[in-house]
Amino acid sequence: PDSRSVLVLRAGSDSSVVYGPEPEHDGKLLVSSILPGFSANMPDL
């Protein structure tokens, strides 16, 4: 909540994805490789 971001760690991968408002993040939509078609608007959270 402090940075208004979501860090997603995926099994079998050493990499992570950060979703949030900053340009270096993946954008304003949180998505999931587990839930096809799911997205949550980061600012709404």
PDB file of all heavy atoms in Angstrom:
ATOM      1  N   PRO A   1       0.807  -1.222   0.000  1.00  0.00           N
ATOM      2  CA  PRO A   1       0.000   0.000   0.000  1.00  0.00           C
ATOM      3  C   PRO A   1       0.843   1.276   0.000  1.00  0.00           C
ATOM      4  O   PRO A   1       0.410   2.298  -0.528  1.00  0.00           O
ATOM      5  CB  PRO A   1      -0.820  -0.098   1.289  1.00  0.00           C
ATOM      6  CG  PRO A   1      -0.831  -1.541   1.635  1.00  0.00           C
ATOM      7  CD  PRO A   1       0.489  -2.068   1.149  1.00  0.00           C
ATOM      8  N   ASP A   2       2.049   1.234   0.580  1.00  0.00           N
ATOM      9  CA  ASP A   2       2.884   2.435   0.635  1.00  0.00           C
ATOM     10  C   ASP A   2       3.340   2.876  -0.754  1.00  0.00           C
ATOM     11  O   ASP A   2       3.287   4.054  -1.088  1.00  0.00           O
ATOM     12  CB  ASP A   2       4.100   2.205   1.536  1.00  0.00           C
ATOM     13  CG  ASP A   2       3.721   2.054   2.995  1.00  0.00           C
ATOM     14  OD1 ASP A   2       2.616   2.516   3.391  1.00  0.00           O
ATOM     15  OD2 ASP A   2       4.500   1.458   3.750  1.00  0.00           O
ATOM     16  N   SER A   3       3.795   1.938  -1.578  1.00  0.00           N
ATOM     17  CA  SER A   3       4.242   2.291  -2.930  1.00  0.00           C
ATOM     18  C   SER A   3       3.130   2.100  -3.970  1.00  0.00           C
ATOM     19  O   SER A   3       3.348   2.364  -5.151  1.00  0.00           O
ATOM     20  CB  SER A   3       5.454   1.445  -3.327  1.00  0.00           C
ATOM     21  OG  SER A   3       5.078   0.090  -3.482  1.00  0.00           O
ATOM     22  N   ARG A   4       1.980   1.619  -3.505  1.00  0.00           N
ATOM     23  CA  ARG A   4       0.832   1.355  -4.385  1.00  0.00           C
ATOM     24  C   ARG A   4       1.233   0.454  -5.548  1.00  0.00           C
ATOM     25  O   ARG A   4       0.969   0.727  -6.710  1.00  0.00           O
ATOM     26  CB  ARG A   4       0.207   2.650  -4.875  1.00  0.00           C
ATOM     27  CG  ARG A   4      -0.387   3.443  -3.729  1.00  0.00           C
ATOM     28  CD  ARG A   4      -0.960   4.756  -4.150  1.00  0.00           C
ATOM     29  NE  ARG A   4      -1.507   5.433  -2.996  1.00  0.00           N
ATOM     30  CZ  ARG A   4      -2.775   5.758  -2.849  1.00  0.00           C
ATOM     31  NH1 ARG A   4      -3.634   5.512  -3.800  1.00  0.00           N
ATOM     32  NH2 ARG A   4      -3.187   6.357  -1.761  1.00  0.00           N
ATOM     33  N   SER A   5       1.912  -0.627  -5.182  1.00  0.00           N
ATOM     34  CA  SER A   5       2.398  -1.565  -6.190  1.00  0.00           C
ATOM     35  C   SER A   5       2.149  -2.999  -5.722  1.00  0.00           C
ATOM     36  O   SER A   5       1.837  -3.245  -4.559  1.00  0.00           O
ATOM     37  CB  SER A   5       3.888  -1.352  -6.451  1.00  0.00           C
ATOM     38  OG  SER A   5       4.634  -1.645  -5.290  1.00  0.00           O
ATOM     39  N   VAL A   6       2.284  -3.926  -6.658  1.00  0.00           N
ATOM     40  CA  VAL A   6       2.143  -5.351  -6.369  1.00  0.00           C
ATOM     41  C   VAL A   6       3.348  -6.070  -6.970  1.00  0.00           C
ATOM     42  O   VAL A   6       3.631  -5.932  -8.166  1.00  0.00           O
ATOM     43  CB  VAL A   6       0.844  -5.948  -6.948  1.00  0.00           C
ATOM     44  CG1 VAL A   6       0.742  -7.434  -6.635  1.00  0.00           C
ATOM     45  CG2 VAL A   6      -0.382  -5.214  -6.411  1.00  0.00           C
ATOM     46  N   LEU A   7       4.059  -6.812  -6.133  1.00  0.00           N
ATOM     47  CA  LEU A   7       5.163  -7.652  -6.572  1.00  0.00           C
ATOM     48  C   LEU A   7       4.604  -9.057  -6.761  1.00  0.00           C
ATOM     49  O   LEU A   7       3.985  -9.606  -5.846  1.00  0.00           O
ATOM     50  CB  LEU A   7       6.270  -7.656  -5.514  1.00  0.00           C
ATOM     51  CG  LEU A   7       7.418  -8.655  -5.704  1.00  0.00           C
ATOM     52  CD1 LEU A   7       8.219  -8.327  -6.961  1.00  0.00           C
ATOM     53  CD2 LEU A   7       8.307  -8.677  -4.469  1.00  0.00           C
ATOM     54  N   VAL A   8       4.784  -9.633  -7.941  1.00  0.00           N
ATOM     55  CA  VAL A   8       4.302 -10.981  -8.225  1.00  0.00           C
ATOM     56  C   VAL A   8       5.511 -11.893  -8.398  1.00  0.00           C
ATOM     57  O   VAL A   8       6.349 -11.668  -9.274  1.00  0.00           O
ATOM     58  CB  VAL A   8       3.409 -11.016  -9.484  1.00  0.00           C
ATOM     59  CG1 VAL A   8       2.998 -12.449  -9.813  1.00  0.00           C
ATOM     60  CG2 VAL A   8       2.171 -10.141  -9.289  1.00  0.00           C
ATOM     61  N   LEU A   9       5.587 -12.910  -7.534  1.00  0.00           N
ATOM     62  CA  LEU A   9       6.623 -13.935  -7.628  1.00  0.00           C
ATOM     63  C   LEU A   9       5.982 -15.180  -8.207  1.00  0.00           C
ATOM     64  O   LEU A   9       4.923 -15.610  -7.748  1.00  0.00           O
ATOM     65  CB  LEU A   9       7.211 -14.225  -6.252  1.00  0.00           C
ATOM     66  CG  LEU A   9       7.791 -13.030  -5.491  1.00  0.00           C
ATOM     67  CD1 LEU A   9       8.230 -13.453  -4.104  1.00  0.00           C
ATOM     68  CD2 LEU A   9       8.942 -12.421  -6.267  1.00  0.00           C
ATOM     69  N   ARG A  10       6.624 -15.770  -9.207  1.00  0.00           N
ATOM     70  CA  ARG A  10       6.066 -16.951  -9.868  1.00  0.00           C
ATOM     71  C   ARG A  10       6.962 -18.153  -9.624  1.00  0.00           C
ATOM     72  O   ARG A  10       8.192 -18.056  -9.742  1.00  0.00           O
ATOM     73  CB  ARG A  10       5.918 -16.689 -11.360  1.00  0.00           C
ATOM     74  CG  ARG A  10       4.875 -15.603 -11.618  1.00  0.00           C
ATOM     75  CD  ARG A  10       4.518 -15.464 -13.076  1.00  0.00           C
ATOM     76  NE  ARG A  10       3.370 -14.584 -13.203  1.00  0.00           N
ATOM     77  CZ  ARG A  10       3.423 -13.364 -13.711  1.00  0.00           C
ATOM     78  NH1 ARG A  10       4.560 -12.880 -14.153  1.00  0.00           N
ATOM     79  NH2 ARG A  10       2.331 -12.637 -13.795  1.00  0.00           N
ATOM     80  N   ALA A  11       6.365 -19.284  -9.285  1.00  0.00           N
ATOM     81  CA  ALA A  11       7.110 -20.522  -9.049  1.00  0.00           C
ATOM     82  C   ALA A  11       7.864 -20.896 -10.313  1.00  0.00           C
ATOM     83  O   ALA A  11       7.390 -20.687 -11.428  1.00  0.00           O
ATOM     84  CB  ALA A  11       6.164 -21.641  -8.646  1.00  0.00           C
ATOM     85  N   GLY A  12       9.055 -21.462 -10.122  1.00  0.00           N
ATOM     86  CA  GLY A  12       9.851 -21.897 -11.252  1.00  0.00           C
ATOM     87  C   GLY A  12      10.562 -20.765 -11.965  1.00  0.00           C
ATOM     88  O   GLY A  12      11.139 -20.954 -13.021  1.00  0.00           O
ATOM     89  N   SER A  13      10.499 -19.567 -11.384  1.00  0.00           N
ATOM     90  CA  SER A  13      11.147 -18.419 -12.013  1.00  0.00           C
ATOM     91  C   SER A  13      11.867 -17.615 -10.940  1.00  0.00           C
ATOM     92  O   SER A  13      11.330 -17.381  -9.869  1.00  0.00           O
ATOM     93  CB  SER A  13      10.092 -17.538 -12.691  1.00  0.00           C
ATOM     94  OG  SER A  13      10.668 -16.337 -13.137  1.00  0.00           O
ATOM     95  N   ASP A  14      13.079 -17.228 -11.242  1.00  0.00           N
ATOM     96  CA  ASP A  14      13.820 -16.375 -10.320  1.00  0.00           C
ATOM     97  C   ASP A  14      13.466 -14.911 -10.512  1.00  0.00           C
ATOM     98  O   ASP A  14      13.863 -14.062  -9.728  1.00  0.00           O
ATOM     99  CB  ASP A  14      15.329 -16.561 -10.499  1.00  0.00           C
ATOM    100  CG  ASP A  14      15.794 -17.923 -10.000  1.00  0.00           C
ATOM    101  OD1 ASP A  14      15.117 -18.485  -9.113  1.00  0.00           O
ATOM    102  OD2 ASP A  14      16.813 -18.411 -10.500  1.00  0.00           O
ATOM    103  N   SER A  15      12.723 -14.620 -11.558  1.00  0.00           N
ATOM    104  CA  SER A  15      12.361 -13.234 -11.822  1.00  0.00           C
ATOM    105  C   SER A  15      11.031 -12.898 -11.158  1.00  0.00           C
ATOM    106  O   SER A  15      10.268 -13.773 -10.775  1.00  0.00           O
ATOM    107  CB  SER A  15      12.273 -12.980 -13.327  1.00  0.00           C
ATOM    108  OG  SER A  15      11.243 -13.752 -13.878  1.00  0.00           O
ATOM    109  N   SER A  16      10.792 -11.627 -11.017  1.00  0.00           N
ATOM    110  CA  SER A  16       9.537 -11.159 -10.451  1.00  0.00           C
ATOM    111  C   SER A  16       9.011 -10.043 -11.336  1.00  0.00           C
ATOM    112  O   SER A  16       9.733  -9.486 -12.158  1.00  0.00           O
ATOM    113  CB  SER A  16       9.753 -10.657  -9.021  1.00  0.00           C
ATOM    114  OG  SER A  16      10.695  -9.611  -9.014  1.00  0.00           O
ATOM    115  N   VAL A  17       7.743  -9.730 -11.164  1.00  0.00           N
ATOM    116  CA  VAL A  17       7.107  -8.661 -11.926  1.00  0.00           C
ATOM    117  C   VAL A  17       6.509  -7.694 -10.916  1.00  0.00           C
ATOM    118  O   VAL A  17       5.866  -8.113  -9.956  1.00  0.00           O
ATOM    119  CB  VAL A  17       6.001  -9.207 -12.855  1.00  0.00           C
ATOM    120  CG1 VAL A  17       5.349  -8.091 -13.643  1.00  0.00           C
ATOM    121  CG2 VAL A  17       6.551 -10.272 -13.786  1.00  0.00           C
ATOM    122  N   VAL A  18       6.722  -6.399 -11.141  1.00  0.00           N
ATOM    123  CA  VAL A  18       6.125  -5.379 -10.285  1.00  0.00           C
ATOM    124  C   VAL A  18       5.101  -4.608 -11.099  1.00  0.00           C
ATOM    125  O   VAL A  18       5.406  -4.117 -12.193  1.00  0.00           O
ATOM    126  CB  VAL A  18       7.190  -4.409  -9.727  1.00  0.00           C
ATOM    127  CG1 VAL A  18       6.532  -3.335  -8.862  1.00  0.00           C
ATOM    128  CG2 VAL A  18       8.241  -5.160  -8.928  1.00  0.00           C
ATOM    129  N   TYR A  19       3.883  -4.522 -10.567  1.00  0.00           N
ATOM    130  CA  TYR A  19       2.819  -3.750 -11.194  1.00  0.00           C
ATOM    131  C   TYR A  19       2.572  -2.529 -10.322  1.00  0.00           C
ATOM    132  O   TYR A  19       2.487  -2.644  -9.099  1.00  0.00           O
ATOM    133  CB  TYR A  19       1.534  -4.578 -11.295  1.00  0.00           C
ATOM    134  CG  TYR A  19       1.697  -5.801 -12.147  1.00  0.00           C
ATOM    135  CD1 TYR A  19       2.004  -7.027 -11.570  1.00  0.00           C
ATOM    136  CD2 TYR A  19       1.552  -5.730 -13.525  1.00  0.00           C
ATOM    137  CE1 TYR A  19       2.175  -8.166 -12.358  1.00  0.00           C
ATOM    138  CE2 TYR A  19       1.713  -6.865 -14.313  1.00  0.00           C
ATOM    139  CZ  TYR A  19       2.021  -8.075 -13.723  1.00  0.00           C
ATOM    140  OH  TYR A  19       2.183  -9.177 -14.496  1.00  0.00           O
ATOM    141  N   GLY A  20       2.453  -1.377 -10.939  1.00  0.00           N
ATOM    142  CA  GLY A  20       2.218  -0.178 -10.168  1.00  0.00           C
ATOM    143  C   GLY A  20       2.278   1.075 -11.011  1.00  0.00           C
ATOM    144  O   GLY A  20       2.407   1.011 -12.234  1.00  0.00           O
ATOM    145  N   PRO A  21       2.247   2.219 -10.351  1.00  0.00           N
ATOM    146  CA  PRO A  21       2.128   3.491 -11.062  1.00  0.00           C
ATOM    147  C   PRO A  21       3.426   4.022 -11.659  1.00  0.00           C
ATOM    148  O   PRO A  21       3.395   4.911 -12.500  1.00  0.00           O
ATOM    149  CB  PRO A  21       1.624   4.443  -9.968  1.00  0.00           C
ATOM    150  CG  PRO A  21       2.190   3.877  -8.704  1.00  0.00           C
ATOM    151  CD  PRO A  21       2.179   2.379  -8.904  1.00  0.00           C
ATOM    152  N   GLU A  22       4.555   3.508 -11.253  1.00  0.00           N
ATOM    153  CA  GLU A  22       5.840   4.050 -11.715  1.00  0.00           C
ATOM    154  C   GLU A  22       6.179   3.554 -13.122  1.00  0.00           C
ATOM    155  O   GLU A  22       5.837   2.434 -13.487  1.00  0.00           O
ATOM    156  CB  GLU A  22       6.948   3.663 -10.734  1.00  0.00           C
ATOM    157  CG  GLU A  22       6.702   4.145  -9.315  1.00  0.00           C
ATOM    158  CD  GLU A  22       6.528   5.641  -9.210  1.00  0.00           C
ATOM    159  OE1 GLU A  22       7.215   6.394  -9.925  1.00  0.00           O
ATOM    160  OE2 GLU A  22       5.673   6.076  -8.407  1.00  0.00           O
ATOM    161  N   PRO A  23       6.897   4.365 -13.910  1.00  0.00           N
ATOM    162  CA  PRO A  23       7.251   3.973 -15.285  1.00  0.00           C
ATOM    163  C   PRO A  23       8.044   2.669 -15.368  1.00  0.00           C
ATOM    164  O   PRO A  23       7.916   1.934 -16.334  1.00  0.00           O
ATOM    165  CB  PRO A  23       8.089   5.150 -15.791  1.00  0.00           C
ATOM    166  CG  PRO A  23       7.697   6.301 -14.934  1.00  0.00           C
ATOM    167  CD  PRO A  23       7.321   5.720 -13.601  1.00  0.00           C
ATOM    168  N   GLU A  24       8.868   2.372 -14.344  1.00  0.00           N
ATOM    169  CA  GLU A  24       9.669   1.147 -14.411  1.00  0.00           C
ATOM    170  C   GLU A  24       8.848  -0.108 -14.110  1.00  0.00           C
ATOM    171  O   GLU A  24       9.322  -1.224 -14.254  1.00  0.00           O
ATOM    172  CB  GLU A  24      10.884   1.233 -13.466  1.00  0.00           C
ATOM    173  CG  GLU A  24      10.544   1.262 -11.992  1.00  0.00           C
ATOM    174  CD  GLU A  24      10.345   2.681 -11.434  1.00  0.00           C
ATOM    175  OE1 GLU A  24      10.210   3.639 -12.207  1.00  0.00           O
ATOM    176  OE2 GLU A  24      10.309   2.805 -10.215  1.00  0.00           O
ATOM    177  N   HIS A  25       7.608   0.064 -13.684  1.00  0.00           N
ATOM    178  CA  HIS A  25       6.729  -1.080 -13.416  1.00  0.00           C
ATOM    179  C   HIS A  25       6.039  -1.522 -14.705  1.00  0.00           C
ATOM    180  O   HIS A  25       6.093  -0.835 -15.722  1.00  0.00           O
ATOM    181  CB  HIS A  25       5.696  -0.722 -12.359  1.00  0.00           C
ATOM    182  CG  HIS A  25       6.302  -0.371 -11.035  1.00  0.00           C
ATOM    183  ND1 HIS A  25       5.619   0.281 -10.069  1.00  0.00           N
ATOM    184  CD2 HIS A  25       7.546  -0.567 -10.526  1.00  0.00           C
ATOM    185  CE1 HIS A  25       6.390   0.475  -9.014  1.00  0.00           C
ATOM    186  NE2 HIS A  25       7.571  -0.035  -9.276  1.00  0.00           N
ATOM    187  N   ASP A  26       5.375  -2.666 -14.633  1.00  0.00           N
ATOM    188  CA  ASP A  26       4.732  -3.226 -15.821  1.00  0.00           C
ATOM    189  C   ASP A  26       3.413  -2.552 -16.183  1.00  0.00           C
ATOM    190  O   ASP A  26       2.758  -2.968 -17.115  1.00  0.00           O
ATOM    191  CB  ASP A  26       4.498  -4.728 -15.629  1.00  0.00           C
ATOM    192  CG  ASP A  26       5.598  -5.544 -16.273  1.00  0.00           C
ATOM    193  OD1 ASP A  26       6.676  -4.987 -16.516  1.00  0.00           O
ATOM    194  OD2 ASP A  26       5.377  -6.731 -16.537  1.00  0.00           O
ATOM    195  N   GLY A  27       2.998  -1.567 -15.449  1.00  0.00           N
ATOM    196  CA  GLY A  27       1.788  -0.857 -15.837  1.00  0.00           C
ATOM    197  C   GLY A  27       0.750  -0.787 -14.748  1.00  0.00           C
ATOM    198  O   GLY A  27       0.968  -1.210 -13.624  1.00  0.00           O
ATOM    199  N   LYS A  28      -0.382  -0.245 -15.121  1.00  0.00           N
ATOM    200  CA  LYS A  28      -1.440   0.015 -14.157  1.00  0.00           C
ATOM    201  C   LYS A  28      -2.447  -1.119 -14.055  1.00  0.00           C
ATOM    202  O   LYS A  28      -3.421  -1.008 -13.336  1.00  0.00           O
ATOM    203  CB  LYS A  28      -2.135   1.323 -14.494  1.00  0.00           C
ATOM    204  CG  LYS A  28      -1.200   2.506 -14.329  1.00  0.00           C
ATOM    205  CD  LYS A  28      -1.905   3.808 -14.456  1.00  0.00           C
ATOM    206  CE  LYS A  28      -0.893   4.917 -14.233  1.00  0.00           C
ATOM    207  NZ  LYS A  28      -1.502   6.207 -14.134  1.00  0.00           N
ATOM    208  N   LEU A  29      -2.207  -2.221 -14.769  1.00  0.00           N
ATOM    209  CA  LEU A  29      -3.099  -3.376 -14.679  1.00  0.00           C
ATOM    210  C   LEU A  29      -2.331  -4.559 -14.100  1.00  0.00           C
ATOM    211  O   LEU A  29      -1.301  -4.970 -14.633  1.00  0.00           O
ATOM    212  CB  LEU A  29      -3.644  -3.768 -16.050  1.00  0.00           C
ATOM    213  CG  LEU A  29      -4.671  -2.839 -16.669  1.00  0.00           C
ATOM    214  CD1 LEU A  29      -5.068  -3.361 -18.045  1.00  0.00           C
ATOM    215  CD2 LEU A  29      -5.901  -2.683 -15.781  1.00  0.00           C
ATOM    216  N   LEU A  30      -2.835  -5.093 -12.990  1.00  0.00           N
ATOM    217  CA  LEU A  30      -2.296  -6.314 -12.399  1.00  0.00           C
ATOM    218  C   LEU A  30      -2.869  -7.485 -13.181  1.00  0.00           C
ATOM    219  O   LEU A  30      -4.086  -7.581 -13.343  1.00  0.00           O
ATOM    220  CB  LEU A  30      -2.700  -6.403 -10.925  1.00  0.00           C
ATOM    221  CG  LEU A  30      -2.469  -7.742 -10.216  1.00  0.00           C
ATOM    222  CD1 LEU A  30      -0.974  -8.057 -10.141  1.00  0.00           C
ATOM    223  CD2 LEU A  30      -3.080  -7.697  -8.819  1.00  0.00           C
ATOM    224  N   VAL A  31      -2.017  -8.356 -13.708  1.00  0.00           N
ATOM    225  CA  VAL A  31      -2.463  -9.531 -14.450  1.00  0.00           C
ATOM    226  C   VAL A  31      -1.853 -10.777 -13.822  1.00  0.00           C
ATOM    227  O   VAL A  31      -0.933 -10.695 -13.022  1.00  0.00           O
ATOM    228  CB  VAL A  31      -2.107  -9.444 -15.954  1.00  0.00           C
ATOM    229  CG1 VAL A  31      -2.798  -8.262 -16.608  1.00  0.00           C
ATOM    230  CG2 VAL A  31      -0.608  -9.370 -16.155  1.00  0.00           C
ATOM    231  N   SER A  32      -2.381 -11.929 -14.211  1.00  0.00           N
ATOM    232  CA  SER A  32      -1.923 -13.192 -13.648  1.00  0.00           C
ATOM    233  C   SER A  32      -1.751 -14.225 -14.745  1.00  0.00           C
ATOM    234  O   SER A  32      -2.594 -14.345 -15.630  1.00  0.00           O
ATOM    235  CB  SER A  32      -2.953 -13.701 -12.626  1.00  0.00           C
ATOM    236  OG  SER A  32      -2.671 -15.028 -12.257  1.00  0.00           O
ATOM    237  N   SER A  33      -0.674 -14.996 -14.653  1.00  0.00           N
ATOM    238  CA  SER A  33      -0.489 -16.100 -15.597  1.00  0.00           C
ATOM    239  C   SER A  33      -1.391 -17.278 -15.230  1.00  0.00           C
ATOM    240  O   SER A  33      -1.600 -18.174 -16.034  1.00  0.00           O
ATOM    241  CB  SER A  33       0.979 -16.536 -15.619  1.00  0.00           C
ATOM    242  OG  SER A  33       1.372 -17.010 -14.345  1.00  0.00           O
ATOM    243  N   ILE A  34      -1.934 -17.279 -14.023  1.00  0.00           N
ATOM    244  CA  ILE A  34      -2.802 -18.361 -13.534  1.00  0.00           C
ATOM    245  C   ILE A  34      -4.255 -18.125 -13.943  1.00  0.00           C
ATOM    246  O   ILE A  34      -5.009 -19.064 -14.145  1.00  0.00           O
ATOM    247  CB  ILE A  34      -2.719 -18.464 -11.993  1.00  0.00           C
ATOM    248  CG1 ILE A  34      -1.285 -18.677 -11.538  1.00  0.00           C
ATOM    249  CG2 ILE A  34      -3.642 -19.537 -11.440  1.00  0.00           C
ATOM    250  CD1 ILE A  34      -0.650 -19.942 -12.044  1.00  0.00           C
ATOM    251  N   LEU A  35      -4.665 -16.856 -14.037  1.00  0.00           N
ATOM    252  CA  LEU A  35      -6.060 -16.489 -14.302  1.00  0.00           C
ATOM    253  C   LEU A  35      -6.158 -15.823 -15.670  1.00  0.00           C
ATOM    254  O   LEU A  35      -6.045 -14.610 -15.780  1.00  0.00           O
ATOM    255  CB  LEU A  35      -6.567 -15.527 -13.220  1.00  0.00           C
ATOM    256  CG  LEU A  35      -6.339 -15.937 -11.772  1.00  0.00           C
ATOM    257  CD1 LEU A  35      -6.774 -14.828 -10.833  1.00  0.00           C
ATOM    258  CD2 LEU A  35      -7.058 -17.242 -11.456  1.00  0.00           C
ATOM    259  N   PRO A  36      -6.375 -16.600 -16.736  1.00  0.00           N
ATOM    260  CA  PRO A  36      -6.430 -16.024 -18.083  1.00  0.00           C
ATOM    261  C   PRO A  36      -7.502 -14.937 -18.183  1.00  0.00           C
ATOM    262  O   PRO A  36      -8.640 -15.139 -17.785  1.00  0.00           O
ATOM    263  CB  PRO A  36      -6.788 -17.211 -18.975  1.00  0.00           C
ATOM    264  CG  PRO A  36      -6.490 -18.425 -18.165  1.00  0.00           C
ATOM    265  CD  PRO A  36      -6.634 -18.031 -16.727  1.00  0.00           C
ATOM    266  N   GLY A  37      -7.101 -13.781 -18.677  1.00  0.00           N
ATOM    267  CA  GLY A  37      -8.038 -12.683 -18.867  1.00  0.00           C
ATOM    268  C   GLY A  37      -8.247 -11.816 -17.632  1.00  0.00           C
ATOM    269  O   GLY A  37      -8.917 -10.790 -17.704  1.00  0.00           O
ATOM    270  N   PHE A  38      -7.676 -12.198 -16.494  1.00  0.00           N
ATOM    271  CA  PHE A  38      -7.849 -11.387 -15.279  1.00  0.00           C
ATOM    272  C   PHE A  38      -6.974 -10.149 -15.349  1.00  0.00           C
ATOM    273  O   PHE A  38      -5.815 -10.208 -15.751  1.00  0.00           O
ATOM    274  CB  PHE A  38      -7.473 -12.177 -14.022  1.00  0.00           C
ATOM    275  CG  PHE A  38      -7.409 -11.313 -12.787  1.00  0.00           C
ATOM    276  CD1 PHE A  38      -8.573 -10.961 -12.121  1.00  0.00           C
ATOM    277  CD2 PHE A  38      -6.198 -10.824 -12.311  1.00  0.00           C
ATOM    278  CE1 PHE A  38      -8.525 -10.151 -10.999  1.00  0.00           C
ATOM    279  CE2 PHE A  38      -6.136 -10.012 -11.187  1.00  0.00           C
ATOM    280  CZ  PHE A  38      -7.308  -9.679 -10.532  1.00  0.00           C
ATOM    281  N   SER A  39      -7.543  -9.035 -14.923  1.00  0.00           N
ATOM    282  CA  SER A  39      -6.751  -7.823 -14.706  1.00  0.00           C
ATOM    283  C   SER A  39      -7.451  -6.992 -13.642  1.00  0.00           C
ATOM    284  O   SER A  39      -8.675  -7.000 -13.542  1.00  0.00           O
ATOM    285  CB  SER A  39      -6.576  -7.015 -15.992  1.00  0.00           C
ATOM    286  OG  SER A  39      -7.812  -6.526 -16.446  1.00  0.00           O
ATOM    287  N   ALA A  40      -6.663  -6.326 -12.838  1.00  0.00           N
ATOM    288  CA  ALA A  40      -7.189  -5.408 -11.829  1.00  0.00           C
ATOM    289  C   ALA A  40      -6.504  -4.080 -12.039  1.00  0.00           C
ATOM    290  O   ALA A  40      -5.282  -4.007 -12.188  1.00  0.00           O
ATOM    291  CB  ALA A  40      -6.915  -5.930 -10.418  1.00  0.00           C
ATOM    292  N   ASN A  41      -7.279  -3.030 -12.082  1.00  0.00           N
ATOM    293  CA  ASN A  41      -6.754  -1.688 -12.254  1.00  0.00           C
ATOM    294  C   ASN A  41      -6.050  -1.274 -10.966  1.00  0.00           C
ATOM    295  O   ASN A  41      -6.660  -1.161  -9.908  1.00  0.00           O
ATOM    296  CB  ASN A  41      -7.901  -0.725 -12.578  1.00  0.00           C
ATOM    297  CG  ASN A  41      -7.415   0.645 -12.969  1.00  0.00           C
ATOM    298  OD1 ASN A  41      -6.219   0.882 -13.075  1.00  0.00           O
ATOM    299  ND2 ASN A  41      -8.348   1.549 -13.195  1.00  0.00           N
ATOM    300  N   MET A  42      -4.739  -1.098 -11.043  1.00  0.00           N
ATOM    301  CA  MET A  42      -3.937  -0.807  -9.853  1.00  0.00           C
ATOM    302  C   MET A  42      -4.442   0.408  -9.072  1.00  0.00           C
ATOM    303  O   MET A  42      -4.595   0.320  -7.866  1.00  0.00           O
ATOM    304  CB  MET A  42      -2.474  -0.627 -10.247  1.00  0.00           C
ATOM    305  CG  MET A  42      -1.811  -1.888 -10.743  1.00  0.00           C
ATOM    306  SD  MET A  42      -1.640  -3.132  -9.471  1.00  0.00           S
ATOM    307  CE  MET A  42      -0.551  -2.280  -8.359  1.00  0.00           C
ATOM    308  N   PRO A  43      -4.731   1.547  -9.721  1.00  0.00           N
ATOM    309  CA  PRO A  43      -5.206   2.681  -8.938  1.00  0.00           C
ATOM    310  C   PRO A  43      -6.484   2.371  -8.138  1.00  0.00           C
ATOM    311  O   PRO A  43      -6.646   2.860  -7.020  1.00  0.00           O
ATOM    312  CB  PRO A  43      -5.462   3.765  -9.980  1.00  0.00           C
ATOM    313  CG  PRO A  43      -4.530   3.422 -11.105  1.00  0.00           C
ATOM    314  CD  PRO A  43      -4.509   1.908 -11.128  1.00  0.00           C
ATOM    315  N   ASP A  44      -7.360   1.523  -8.669  1.00  0.00           N
ATOM    316  CA  ASP A  44      -8.592   1.187  -7.970  1.00  0.00           C
ATOM    317  C   ASP A  44      -8.320   0.423  -6.660  1.00  0.00           C
ATOM    318  O   ASP A  44      -9.081   0.534  -5.694  1.00  0.00           O
ATOM    319  CB  ASP A  44      -9.515   0.339  -8.853  1.00  0.00           C
ATOM    320  CG  ASP A  44     -10.099   1.123 -10.007  1.00  0.00           C
ATOM    321  OD1 ASP A  44      -9.981   2.373  -9.998  1.00  0.00           O
ATOM    322  OD2 ASP A  44     -10.648   0.497 -10.929  1.00  0.00           O
ATOM    323  N   LEU A  45      -7.268  -0.388  -6.629  1.00  0.00           N
ATOM    324  CA  LEU A  45      -6.962  -1.152  -5.428  1.00  0.00           C
ATOM    325  C   LEU A  45      -6.581  -0.251  -4.257  1.00  0.00           C
ATOM    326  O   LEU A  45      -6.764  -0.621  -3.105  1.00  0.00           O
ATOM    327  CB  LEU A  45      -5.804  -2.127  -5.682  1.00  0.00           C
ATOM    328  CG  LEU A  45      -6.055  -3.324  -6.569  1.00  0.00           C
ATOM    329  CD1 LEU A  45      -4.780  -4.145  -6.716  1.00  0.00           C
ATOM    330  CD2 LEU A  45      -7.188  -4.185  -6.024  1.00  0.00           C
TER     331      LEU A  45
END
